[in-house]
Amino acid sequence: MLRMNNALTRWIAVRSRRASVLIATLAALGGGLAIAAPASADVVFSQGGVTMIWVGTGAKDYVHHTQWVSYITVETGGAYCPTQTEAWTYGFYRSTQLCGPWAAVTWYISRWVPSGNSVCGSSYVWSRMLAPTRNIACIGIRV
């Protein structure tokens, strides 16, 4: 019985040393490794006047203080034709003209946006009586 206990003790000691080496190695590498947060897909809405945006957001990288942004949809509201529609964020800008009330366009951004930046969309609302007005809607990125 004593022999089996010694064998068991040795087996546990060897496994513990291996686990300690593995943990120490992972800890040493951990300083340069970023463990990504689980991907969470949220659609964030904002409205500025009659311009509405929906922004598809994903995982947050707390090491680099960024958040994944997959797309933005800009809806122009009840605007007359043509309507200049824009979307922008860190390193991204797109523009097009839409026609018709409640027209919408989706642009795929697919990038990491640094904390402190915004994701915005705008449209110029043309009225037969008034000068065009620009409506802007934004969401802020905070990590």
C-alpha atoms as a PDB file:
ATOM      1  CA  MET A   1       0.000   0.000   0.000  1.00  0.00           C
ATOM      2  CA  LEU A   2       2.881   2.352   0.775  1.00  0.00           C
ATOM      3  CA  ARG A   3       4.306   1.767  -2.693  1.00  0.00           C
ATOM      4  CA  MET A   4       1.092   2.786  -4.390  1.00  0.00           C
ATOM      5  CA  ASN A   5       0.912   5.958  -2.354  1.00  0.00           C
ATOM      6  CA  ASN A   6       4.512   6.813  -3.326  1.00  0.00           C
ATOM      7  CA  ALA A   7       3.724   6.200  -7.008  1.00  0.00           C
ATOM      8  CA  LEU A   8       0.633   8.323  -6.748  1.00  0.00           C
ATOM      9  CA  THR A   9       2.578  11.069  -4.973  1.00  0.00           C
ATOM     10  CA  ARG A  10       5.270  11.050  -7.695  1.00  0.00           C
ATOM     11  CA  TRP A  11       2.646  11.129 -10.444  1.00  0.00           C
ATOM     12  CA  ILE A  12       0.955  14.151  -8.846  1.00  0.00           C
ATOM     13  CA  ALA A  13       4.319  15.911  -8.336  1.00  0.00           C
ATOM     14  CA  VAL A  14       5.297  15.448 -12.010  1.00  0.00           C
ATOM     15  CA  ARG A  15       1.918  16.709 -13.218  1.00  0.00           C
ATOM     16  CA  SER A  16       2.109  19.692 -10.852  1.00  0.00           C
ATOM     17  CA  ARG A  17       5.570  20.667 -12.160  1.00  0.00           C
ATOM     18  CA  ARG A  18       4.351  20.424 -15.751  1.00  0.00           C
ATOM     19  CA  ALA A  19       1.302  22.512 -14.934  1.00  0.00           C
ATOM     20  CA  SER A  20       3.503  25.088 -13.169  1.00  0.00           C
ATOM     21  CA  VAL A  21       5.765  25.357 -16.213  1.00  0.00           C
ATOM     22  CA  LEU A  22       2.745  25.740 -18.486  1.00  0.00           C
ATOM     23  CA  ILE A  23       1.208  28.413 -16.255  1.00  0.00           C
ATOM     24  CA  ALA A  24       4.528  30.297 -15.992  1.00  0.00           C
ATOM     25  CA  THR A  25       4.949  30.182 -19.784  1.00  0.00           C
ATOM     26  CA  LEU A  26       1.430  31.437 -20.388  1.00  0.00           C
ATOM     27  CA  ALA A  27       1.916  34.195 -17.821  1.00  0.00           C
ATOM     28  CA  ALA A  28       5.161  35.282 -19.511  1.00  0.00           C
ATOM     29  CA  LEU A  29       3.477  35.364 -22.901  1.00  0.00           C
ATOM     30  CA  GLY A  30       0.346  37.006 -21.515  1.00  0.00           C
ATOM     31  CA  GLY A  31       2.010  40.413 -21.416  1.00  0.00           C
ATOM     32  CA  GLY A  32       2.035  40.507 -25.225  1.00  0.00           C
ATOM     33  CA  LEU A  33      -1.085  38.511 -25.919  1.00  0.00           C
ATOM     34  CA  ALA A  34      -4.534  40.004 -26.159  1.00  0.00           C
ATOM     35  CA  ILE A  35      -7.366  37.752 -25.189  1.00  0.00           C
ATOM     36  CA  ALA A  36     -10.332  38.937 -27.238  1.00  0.00           C
ATOM     37  CA  ALA A  37     -13.651  39.489 -25.577  1.00  0.00           C
ATOM     38  CA  PRO A  38     -16.385  37.181 -26.739  1.00  0.00           C
ATOM     39  CA  ALA A  39     -17.997  38.479 -29.876  1.00  0.00           C
ATOM     40  CA  SER A  40     -21.249  40.161 -29.072  1.00  0.00           C
ATOM     41  CA  ALA A  41     -23.316  41.474 -31.919  1.00  0.00           C
ATOM     42  CA  ASP A  42     -25.325  44.532 -31.015  1.00  0.00           C
ATOM     43  CA  VAL A  43     -27.156  46.876 -33.344  1.00  0.00           C
ATOM     44  CA  VAL A  44     -27.055  50.428 -32.025  1.00  0.00           C
ATOM     45  CA  PHE A  45     -29.598  53.005 -33.201  1.00  0.00           C
ATOM     46  CA  SER A  46     -29.327  56.788 -33.339  1.00  0.00           C
ATOM     47  CA  GLN A  47     -31.426  59.527 -34.896  1.00  0.00           C
ATOM     48  CA  GLY A  48     -30.671  63.100 -35.919  1.00  0.00           C
ATOM     49  CA  GLY A  49     -33.712  64.892 -37.277  1.00  0.00           C
ATOM     50  CA  VAL A  50     -35.180  62.563 -39.875  1.00  0.00           C
ATOM     51  CA  THR A  51     -31.863  60.772 -40.470  1.00  0.00           C
ATOM     52  CA  MET A  52     -31.604  57.423 -38.730  1.00  0.00           C
ATOM     53  CA  ILE A  53     -28.624  55.083 -38.433  1.00  0.00           C
ATOM     54  CA  TRP A  54     -28.198  51.497 -37.331  1.00  0.00           C
ATOM     55  CA  VAL A  55     -24.628  50.428 -36.533  1.00  0.00           C
ATOM     56  CA  GLY A  56     -23.605  46.787 -36.216  1.00  0.00           C
ATOM     57  CA  THR A  57     -21.037  46.506 -33.430  1.00  0.00           C
ATOM     58  CA  GLY A  58     -19.128  43.479 -32.214  1.00  0.00           C
ATOM     59  CA  ALA A  59     -16.364  42.533 -29.822  1.00  0.00           C
ATOM     60  CA  LYS A  60     -14.442  45.046 -27.744  1.00  0.00           C
ATOM     61  CA  ASP A  61     -10.644  44.819 -27.522  1.00  0.00           C
ATOM     62  CA  TYR A  62      -9.822  46.139 -24.058  1.00  0.00           C
ATOM     63  CA  VAL A  63      -6.058  45.926 -24.647  1.00  0.00           C
ATOM     64  CA  HIS A  64      -6.078  48.188 -27.717  1.00  0.00           C
ATOM     65  CA  HIS A  65      -9.207  50.143 -26.678  1.00  0.00           C
ATOM     66  CA  THR A  66     -11.089  49.417 -29.903  1.00  0.00           C
ATOM     67  CA  GLN A  67     -14.450  47.979 -30.905  1.00  0.00           C
ATOM     68  CA  TRP A  68     -15.340  46.031 -34.036  1.00  0.00           C
ATOM     69  CA  VAL A  69     -17.840  47.821 -36.276  1.00  0.00           C
ATOM     70  CA  SER A  70     -19.253  45.715 -39.077  1.00  0.00           C
ATOM     71  CA  TYR A  71     -21.719  47.994 -40.862  1.00  0.00           C
ATOM     72  CA  ILE A  72     -23.772  51.182 -40.842  1.00  0.00           C
ATOM     73  CA  THR A  73     -27.214  51.642 -42.359  1.00  0.00           C
ATOM     74  CA  VAL A  74     -28.321  55.226 -43.027  1.00  0.00           C
ATOM     75  CA  GLU A  75     -31.990  55.978 -43.652  1.00  0.00           C
ATOM     76  CA  THR A  76     -32.848  59.382 -45.092  1.00  0.00           C
ATOM     77  CA  GLY A  77     -36.318  59.904 -43.687  1.00  0.00           C
ATOM     78  CA  GLY A  78     -38.984  61.569 -45.765  1.00  0.00           C
ATOM     79  CA  ALA A  79     -36.562  63.417 -48.025  1.00  0.00           C
ATOM     80  CA  TYR A  80     -37.033  64.617 -51.582  1.00  0.00           C
ATOM     81  CA  CYS A  81     -34.800  63.438 -54.420  1.00  0.00           C
ATOM     82  CA  PRO A  82     -31.871  63.444 -54.681  1.00  0.00           C
ATOM     83  CA  THR A  83     -30.584  63.194 -51.137  1.00  0.00           C
ATOM     84  CA  GLN A  84     -26.866  63.246 -50.428  1.00  0.00           C
ATOM     85  CA  THR A  85     -26.210  60.513 -47.847  1.00  0.00           C
ATOM     86  CA  GLU A  86     -22.900  59.978 -46.021  1.00  0.00           C
ATOM     87  CA  ALA A  87     -21.339  57.696 -43.414  1.00  0.00           C
ATOM     88  CA  TRP A  88     -17.979  58.042 -41.662  1.00  0.00           C
ATOM     89  CA  THR A  89     -15.821  56.856 -38.821  1.00  0.00           C
ATOM     90  CA  TYR A  90     -12.117  56.312 -38.092  1.00  0.00           C
ATOM     91  CA  GLY A  91     -10.485  55.565 -41.489  1.00  0.00           C
ATOM     92  CA  PHE A  92     -13.796  55.215 -43.340  1.00  0.00           C
ATOM     93  CA  TYR A  93     -15.935  57.558 -45.469  1.00  0.00           C
ATOM     94  CA  ARG A  94     -18.636  56.790 -48.037  1.00  0.00           C
ATOM     95  CA  SER A  95     -21.180  58.958 -49.814  1.00  0.00           C
ATOM     96  CA  THR A  96     -23.980  58.377 -52.293  1.00  0.00           C
ATOM     97  CA  GLN A  97     -27.229  59.913 -53.495  1.00  0.00           C
ATOM     98  CA  LEU A  98     -30.549  58.286 -52.660  1.00  0.00           C
ATOM     99  CA  CYS A  99     -33.989  58.969 -54.019  1.00  0.00           C
ATOM    100  CA  GLY A 100     -37.360  58.473 -52.420  1.00  0.00           C
ATOM    101  CA  PRO A 101     -38.861  58.797 -48.988  1.00  0.00           C
ATOM    102  CA  TRP A 102     -37.388  56.511 -46.346  1.00  0.00           C
ATOM    103  CA  ALA A 103     -34.607  55.365 -48.687  1.00  0.00           C
ATOM    104  CA  ALA A 104     -31.717  53.547 -46.981  1.00  0.00           C
ATOM    105  CA  VAL A 105     -28.211  52.403 -47.789  1.00  0.00           C
ATOM    106  CA  THR A 106     -25.886  50.017 -45.940  1.00  0.00           C
ATOM    107  CA  TRP A 107     -22.106  50.248 -46.024  1.00  0.00           C
ATOM    108  CA  TYR A 108     -19.885  47.507 -44.606  1.00  0.00           C
ATOM    109  CA  ILE A 109     -17.203  49.131 -42.472  1.00  0.00           C
ATOM    110  CA  SER A 110     -15.528  45.931 -41.122  1.00  0.00           C
ATOM    111  CA  ARG A 111     -12.843  47.526 -38.965  1.00  0.00           C
ATOM    112  CA  TRP A 112     -11.681  48.118 -35.410  1.00  0.00           C
ATOM    113  CA  VAL A 113     -12.668  51.627 -34.347  1.00  0.00           C
ATOM    114  CA  PRO A 114     -10.639  53.211 -31.520  1.00  0.00           C
ATOM    115  CA  SER A 115     -12.377  54.342 -28.359  1.00  0.00           C
ATOM    116  CA  GLY A 116     -13.301  58.024 -28.379  1.00  0.00           C
ATOM    117  CA  ASN A 117     -14.349  57.999 -32.039  1.00  0.00           C
ATOM    118  CA  SER A 118     -17.872  58.117 -33.408  1.00  0.00           C
ATOM    119  CA  VAL A 119     -19.693  56.307 -36.184  1.00  0.00           C
ATOM    120  CA  CYS A 120     -21.905  58.798 -37.998  1.00  0.00           C
ATOM    121  CA  GLY A 121     -24.378  59.051 -40.821  1.00  0.00           C
ATOM    122  CA  SER A 122     -25.966  62.099 -42.394  1.00  0.00           C
ATOM    123  CA  SER A 123     -28.361  63.128 -45.085  1.00  0.00           C
ATOM    124  CA  TYR A 124     -29.338  66.446 -46.618  1.00  0.00           C
ATOM    125  CA  VAL A 125     -33.059  66.991 -46.424  1.00  0.00           C
ATOM    126  CA  TRP A 126     -34.307  69.001 -49.364  1.00  0.00           C
ATOM    127  CA  SER A 127     -37.550  70.877 -48.985  1.00  0.00           C
ATOM    128  CA  ARG A 128     -39.411  72.660 -51.762  1.00  0.00           C
ATOM    129  CA  MET A 129     -39.747  75.723 -49.561  1.00  0.00           C
ATOM    130  CA  LEU A 130     -36.544  75.788 -47.523  1.00  0.00           C
ATOM    131  CA  ALA A 131     -32.840  75.502 -48.141  1.00  0.00           C
ATOM    132  CA  PRO A 132     -31.417  71.994 -47.644  1.00  0.00           C
ATOM    133  CA  THR A 133     -30.623  71.027 -44.085  1.00  0.00           C
ATOM    134  CA  ARG A 134     -28.100  68.418 -43.023  1.00  0.00           C
ATOM    135  CA  ASN A 135     -29.232  65.939 -40.386  1.00  0.00           C
ATOM    136  CA  ILE A 136     -26.487  63.993 -38.578  1.00  0.00           C
ATOM    137  CA  ALA A 137     -26.807  60.962 -36.309  1.00  0.00           C
ATOM    138  CA  CYS A 138     -23.852  59.432 -34.442  1.00  0.00           C
ATOM    139  CA  ILE A 139     -22.990  56.772 -31.880  1.00  0.00           C
ATOM    140  CA  GLY A 140     -19.888  56.980 -29.705  1.00  0.00           C
ATOM    141  CA  ILE A 141     -17.346  54.169 -29.327  1.00  0.00           C
ATOM    142  CA  ARG A 142     -16.250  53.670 -25.703  1.00  0.00           C
ATOM    143  CA  VAL A 143     -13.968  50.845 -24.649  1.00  0.00           C
END
